Amino acid sequence: MAYTIEEKLPAEPHKLTLDDRCRLTMTGIKEVESFDEEMVVLYTTRGTLVIRGTGLHLQLLSLDSGQVHVDGTVESLTYEDTAPGTGGFFSRLFG
C-alpha cells in the first residue's frame, strides 16, 4: 500500500513598513493590478491591498522576490477580501 504525504508550505510572509507616510516597503506581493499617482492596487499573499494617496510612484517592483516600494504621500491602506468566485477589486467596483 502506497501513502502520499502532502507537505503544506507556509504562505510567503507579507510585511508592510511605512516611514513618515512617504515611503512604503512591502513583501509578499504577488501581482500589481494597477497603479497611478493616486491609487495602487496590489495582490498580496493576504488579499488585495489598495493604497491611496498623492504623488504615488513605484520605486521598486520585483515580483520574483515579492517586493514593492512605493514613494509618495500615503493616505490609506485598505485590504479588500475577495471571496472565491466573486472576482477582484475592479470587477466588484464596475460589475
N, C-alpha and C. Protein backbone atom coordinates (compact mmCIF):
# COMPACT_ATOMS: atom_id res chain seq x y z
N MET A 1 0.85 -1.17 0.00
CA MET A 1 0.00 0.00 0.00
C MET A 1 0.90 1.24 0.00
N ALA A 2 0.61 2.17 -0.89
CA ALA A 2 1.40 3.39 -1.00
C ALA A 2 0.70 4.54 -0.29
N TYR A 3 1.49 5.34 0.36
CA TYR A 3 0.97 6.51 1.06
C TYR A 3 1.57 7.76 0.42
N THR A 4 0.75 8.77 0.31
CA THR A 4 1.22 10.06 -0.21
C THR A 4 1.23 11.05 0.94
N ILE A 5 2.35 11.69 1.10
CA ILE A 5 2.48 12.71 2.14
C ILE A 5 2.43 14.06 1.46
N GLU A 6 1.42 14.84 1.83
CA GLU A 6 1.30 16.19 1.28
C GLU A 6 1.91 17.16 2.27
N GLU A 7 2.85 17.90 1.78
CA GLU A 7 3.53 18.87 2.62
C GLU A 7 2.96 20.25 2.35
N LYS A 8 2.47 20.89 3.39
CA LYS A 8 1.93 22.24 3.23
C LYS A 8 3.06 23.23 3.47
N LEU A 9 3.32 24.02 2.46
CA LEU A 9 4.34 25.05 2.59
C LEU A 9 3.73 26.29 3.21
N PRO A 10 4.45 26.94 4.11
CA PRO A 10 3.90 28.15 4.71
C PRO A 10 3.73 29.24 3.64
N ALA A 11 2.70 30.05 3.81
CA ALA A 11 2.46 31.15 2.87
C ALA A 11 3.63 32.12 2.94
N GLU A 12 3.93 32.71 1.80
CA GLU A 12 5.00 33.70 1.76
C GLU A 12 4.65 34.84 2.72
N PRO A 13 5.60 35.27 3.54
CA PRO A 13 5.29 36.32 4.52
C PRO A 13 4.93 37.64 3.84
N HIS A 14 4.00 38.34 4.45
CA HIS A 14 3.56 39.64 3.95
C HIS A 14 3.87 40.66 5.03
N LYS A 15 4.65 41.67 4.66
CA LYS A 15 5.08 42.66 5.64
C LYS A 15 4.99 44.05 5.01
N LEU A 16 4.52 45.01 5.81
CA LEU A 16 4.45 46.41 5.38
C LEU A 16 5.28 47.26 6.34
N THR A 17 6.04 48.19 5.78
CA THR A 17 6.77 49.16 6.58
C THR A 17 6.52 50.53 5.98
N LEU A 18 5.95 51.43 6.77
CA LEU A 18 5.64 52.78 6.29
C LEU A 18 6.49 53.77 7.09
N ASP A 19 7.34 54.52 6.38
CA ASP A 19 8.21 55.51 7.00
C ASP A 19 7.69 56.91 6.70
N ASP A 20 7.31 57.63 7.75
CA ASP A 20 6.88 59.03 7.65
C ASP A 20 5.77 59.26 6.62
N ARG A 21 4.93 58.25 6.40
CA ARG A 21 3.82 58.31 5.44
C ARG A 21 4.27 58.62 4.02
N CYS A 22 5.58 58.47 3.73
CA CYS A 22 6.03 58.82 2.38
C CYS A 22 6.84 57.71 1.71
N ARG A 23 7.18 56.65 2.41
CA ARG A 23 7.90 55.53 1.79
C ARG A 23 7.34 54.23 2.35
N LEU A 24 6.70 53.45 1.48
CA LEU A 24 6.06 52.19 1.86
C LEU A 24 6.85 51.04 1.24
N THR A 25 7.33 50.15 2.09
CA THR A 25 8.08 48.97 1.65
C THR A 25 7.24 47.75 1.97
N MET A 26 7.07 46.84 0.98
CA MET A 26 6.20 45.68 1.17
C MET A 26 6.87 44.42 0.65
N THR A 27 6.54 43.30 1.30
CA THR A 27 6.92 41.98 0.80
C THR A 27 5.65 41.13 0.72
N GLY A 28 5.75 40.01 0.03
CA GLY A 28 4.59 39.14 -0.13
C GLY A 28 3.64 39.62 -1.22
N ILE A 29 4.16 40.36 -2.19
CA ILE A 29 3.35 40.88 -3.29
C ILE A 29 3.37 39.87 -4.43
N LYS A 30 2.20 39.51 -4.91
CA LYS A 30 2.09 38.53 -5.99
C LYS A 30 1.91 39.18 -7.35
N GLU A 31 1.19 40.31 -7.41
CA GLU A 31 0.89 40.94 -8.70
C GLU A 31 0.49 42.39 -8.47
N VAL A 32 0.81 43.25 -9.44
CA VAL A 32 0.35 44.63 -9.42
C VAL A 32 -0.84 44.71 -10.38
N GLU A 33 -2.00 45.02 -9.84
CA GLU A 33 -3.22 45.14 -10.65
C GLU A 33 -3.22 46.45 -11.42
N SER A 34 -2.96 47.55 -10.72
CA SER A 34 -2.93 48.86 -11.38
C SER A 34 -2.20 49.84 -10.47
N PHE A 35 -1.76 50.94 -11.09
CA PHE A 35 -1.17 52.00 -10.29
C PHE A 35 -1.22 53.31 -11.05
N ASP A 36 -1.41 54.38 -10.30
CA ASP A 36 -1.27 55.74 -10.80
C ASP A 36 -0.85 56.60 -9.62
N GLU A 37 -0.86 57.91 -9.78
CA GLU A 37 -0.36 58.78 -8.71
C GLU A 37 -1.29 58.87 -7.50
N GLU A 38 -2.52 58.35 -7.62
CA GLU A 38 -3.47 58.44 -6.51
C GLU A 38 -3.87 57.09 -5.93
N MET A 39 -3.61 55.99 -6.66
CA MET A 39 -4.03 54.68 -6.15
C MET A 39 -3.14 53.58 -6.73
N VAL A 40 -2.77 52.63 -5.86
CA VAL A 40 -2.02 51.44 -6.25
C VAL A 40 -2.81 50.24 -5.76
N VAL A 41 -3.07 49.27 -6.64
CA VAL A 41 -3.80 48.06 -6.27
C VAL A 41 -2.87 46.87 -6.46
N LEU A 42 -2.64 46.13 -5.37
CA LEU A 42 -1.71 45.00 -5.38
C LEU A 42 -2.40 43.74 -4.89
N TYR A 43 -2.06 42.61 -5.48
CA TYR A 43 -2.48 41.31 -4.95
C TYR A 43 -1.36 40.81 -4.06
N THR A 44 -1.68 40.55 -2.79
CA THR A 44 -0.69 40.08 -1.83
C THR A 44 -1.04 38.66 -1.39
N THR A 45 -0.16 38.08 -0.59
CA THR A 45 -0.42 36.75 -0.06
C THR A 45 -1.52 36.78 0.99
N ARG A 46 -1.96 37.96 1.39
CA ARG A 46 -3.01 38.12 2.39
C ARG A 46 -4.25 38.83 1.87
N GLY A 47 -4.39 38.97 0.56
CA GLY A 47 -5.56 39.62 -0.02
C GLY A 47 -5.17 40.80 -0.88
N THR A 48 -6.16 41.44 -1.47
CA THR A 48 -5.93 42.60 -2.33
C THR A 48 -5.72 43.83 -1.45
N LEU A 49 -4.64 44.55 -1.72
CA LEU A 49 -4.30 45.74 -0.96
C LEU A 49 -4.46 46.97 -1.85
N VAL A 50 -5.24 47.95 -1.38
CA VAL A 50 -5.45 49.20 -2.10
C VAL A 50 -4.76 50.31 -1.31
N ILE A 51 -3.84 50.99 -1.97
CA ILE A 51 -3.10 52.10 -1.36
C ILE A 51 -3.58 53.37 -2.03
N ARG A 52 -4.03 54.33 -1.22
CA ARG A 52 -4.48 55.61 -1.76
C ARG A 52 -3.59 56.72 -1.21
N GLY A 53 -3.37 57.73 -2.04
CA GLY A 53 -2.53 58.84 -1.61
C GLY A 53 -2.35 59.84 -2.73
N THR A 54 -1.28 60.63 -2.63
CA THR A 54 -0.96 61.62 -3.66
C THR A 54 0.50 61.46 -4.05
N GLY A 55 0.77 61.64 -5.33
CA GLY A 55 2.14 61.55 -5.83
C GLY A 55 2.76 60.18 -5.65
N LEU A 56 1.95 59.12 -5.77
CA LEU A 56 2.45 57.76 -5.57
C LEU A 56 3.26 57.29 -6.78
N HIS A 57 4.43 56.70 -6.51
CA HIS A 57 5.30 56.19 -7.56
C HIS A 57 5.87 54.85 -7.11
N LEU A 58 5.90 53.87 -8.02
CA LEU A 58 6.55 52.60 -7.74
C LEU A 58 8.04 52.78 -7.94
N GLN A 59 8.81 52.69 -6.86
CA GLN A 59 10.25 52.87 -6.94
C GLN A 59 10.98 51.55 -7.16
N LEU A 60 10.41 50.47 -6.64
CA LEU A 60 10.98 49.13 -6.83
C LEU A 60 9.84 48.17 -7.05
N LEU A 61 9.97 47.35 -8.06
CA LEU A 61 8.99 46.32 -8.33
C LEU A 61 9.75 45.05 -8.69
N SER A 62 9.72 44.08 -7.80
CA SER A 62 10.37 42.80 -8.04
C SER A 62 9.40 41.69 -7.66
N LEU A 63 8.63 41.22 -8.64
CA LEU A 63 7.65 40.17 -8.36
C LEU A 63 8.33 38.83 -8.12
N ASP A 64 9.57 38.65 -8.61
CA ASP A 64 10.31 37.42 -8.34
C ASP A 64 10.54 37.25 -6.84
N SER A 65 10.87 38.35 -6.17
CA SER A 65 11.09 38.29 -4.72
C SER A 65 9.88 38.78 -3.94
N GLY A 66 8.83 39.29 -4.63
CA GLY A 66 7.62 39.74 -3.97
C GLY A 66 7.75 41.09 -3.28
N GLN A 67 8.71 41.91 -3.72
CA GLN A 67 8.95 43.20 -3.08
C GLN A 67 8.46 44.36 -3.93
N VAL A 68 7.88 45.35 -3.25
CA VAL A 68 7.45 46.59 -3.90
C VAL A 68 7.75 47.73 -2.94
N HIS A 69 8.28 48.83 -3.49
CA HIS A 69 8.48 50.06 -2.73
C HIS A 69 7.66 51.15 -3.40
N VAL A 70 6.89 51.88 -2.61
CA VAL A 70 6.07 52.97 -3.13
C VAL A 70 6.48 54.25 -2.40
N ASP A 71 6.77 55.30 -3.17
CA ASP A 71 7.05 56.62 -2.61
C ASP A 71 5.89 57.54 -2.91
N GLY A 72 5.68 58.54 -2.06
CA GLY A 72 4.59 59.50 -2.20
C GLY A 72 3.89 59.62 -0.86
N THR A 73 2.87 60.42 -0.80
CA THR A 73 2.12 60.60 0.45
C THR A 73 1.03 59.53 0.54
N VAL A 74 1.16 58.64 1.52
CA VAL A 74 0.19 57.56 1.72
C VAL A 74 -0.91 58.06 2.63
N GLU A 75 -2.16 58.00 2.15
CA GLU A 75 -3.31 58.46 2.92
C GLU A 75 -4.10 57.30 3.51
N SER A 76 -4.12 56.13 2.81
CA SER A 76 -4.84 54.99 3.38
C SER A 76 -4.32 53.69 2.78
N LEU A 77 -4.44 52.64 3.59
CA LEU A 77 -4.13 51.26 3.19
C LEU A 77 -5.36 50.44 3.52
N THR A 78 -5.94 49.78 2.52
CA THR A 78 -7.16 49.01 2.72
C THR A 78 -7.00 47.63 2.10
N TYR A 79 -7.36 46.60 2.86
CA TYR A 79 -7.39 45.25 2.33
C TYR A 79 -8.80 44.93 1.87
N GLU A 80 -8.92 44.43 0.66
CA GLU A 80 -10.19 44.01 0.10
C GLU A 80 -10.18 42.49 0.08
N ASP A 81 -10.93 41.86 0.97
CA ASP A 81 -11.01 40.41 0.99
C ASP A 81 -11.92 39.96 -0.13
N THR A 82 -11.43 39.03 -0.92
CA THR A 82 -12.18 38.53 -2.06
C THR A 82 -12.61 37.10 -1.79
N ALA A 83 -13.90 36.87 -1.73
CA ALA A 83 -14.40 35.50 -1.58
C ALA A 83 -14.23 34.77 -2.89
N PRO A 84 -14.00 33.46 -2.87
CA PRO A 84 -13.82 32.72 -4.11
C PRO A 84 -15.01 32.91 -5.05
N GLY A 85 -14.69 33.22 -6.32
CA GLY A 85 -15.73 33.35 -7.32
C GLY A 85 -16.38 34.72 -7.40
N THR A 86 -15.95 35.68 -6.56
CA THR A 86 -16.58 37.00 -6.60
C THR A 86 -15.82 37.98 -7.45
N GLY A 87 -14.66 37.60 -7.92
CA GLY A 87 -13.87 38.49 -8.78
C GLY A 87 -13.00 39.41 -7.95
N GLY A 88 -12.24 40.24 -8.64
CA GLY A 88 -11.32 41.14 -7.99
C GLY A 88 -11.94 42.48 -7.66
N PHE A 89 -11.09 43.39 -7.26
CA PHE A 89 -11.50 44.72 -6.83
C PHE A 89 -12.27 45.46 -7.94
N PHE A 90 -11.73 45.46 -9.16
CA PHE A 90 -12.36 46.22 -10.23
C PHE A 90 -13.64 45.57 -10.73
N SER A 91 -13.73 44.24 -10.68
CA SER A 91 -14.98 43.61 -11.10
C SER A 91 -16.09 43.92 -10.11
N ARG A 92 -15.75 44.07 -8.83
CA ARG A 92 -16.76 44.47 -7.85
C ARG A 92 -17.10 45.97 -7.99
N LEU A 93 -16.10 46.77 -8.33
CA LEU A 93 -16.31 48.20 -8.46
C LEU A 93 -17.17 48.54 -9.67
N PHE A 94 -16.90 47.91 -10.81
CA PHE A 94 -17.61 48.22 -12.04
C PHE A 94 -18.65 47.18 -12.42
N GLY A 95 -18.71 46.05 -11.69
CA GLY A 95 -19.60 44.96 -12.05
C GLY A 95 -20.97 45.20 -11.62
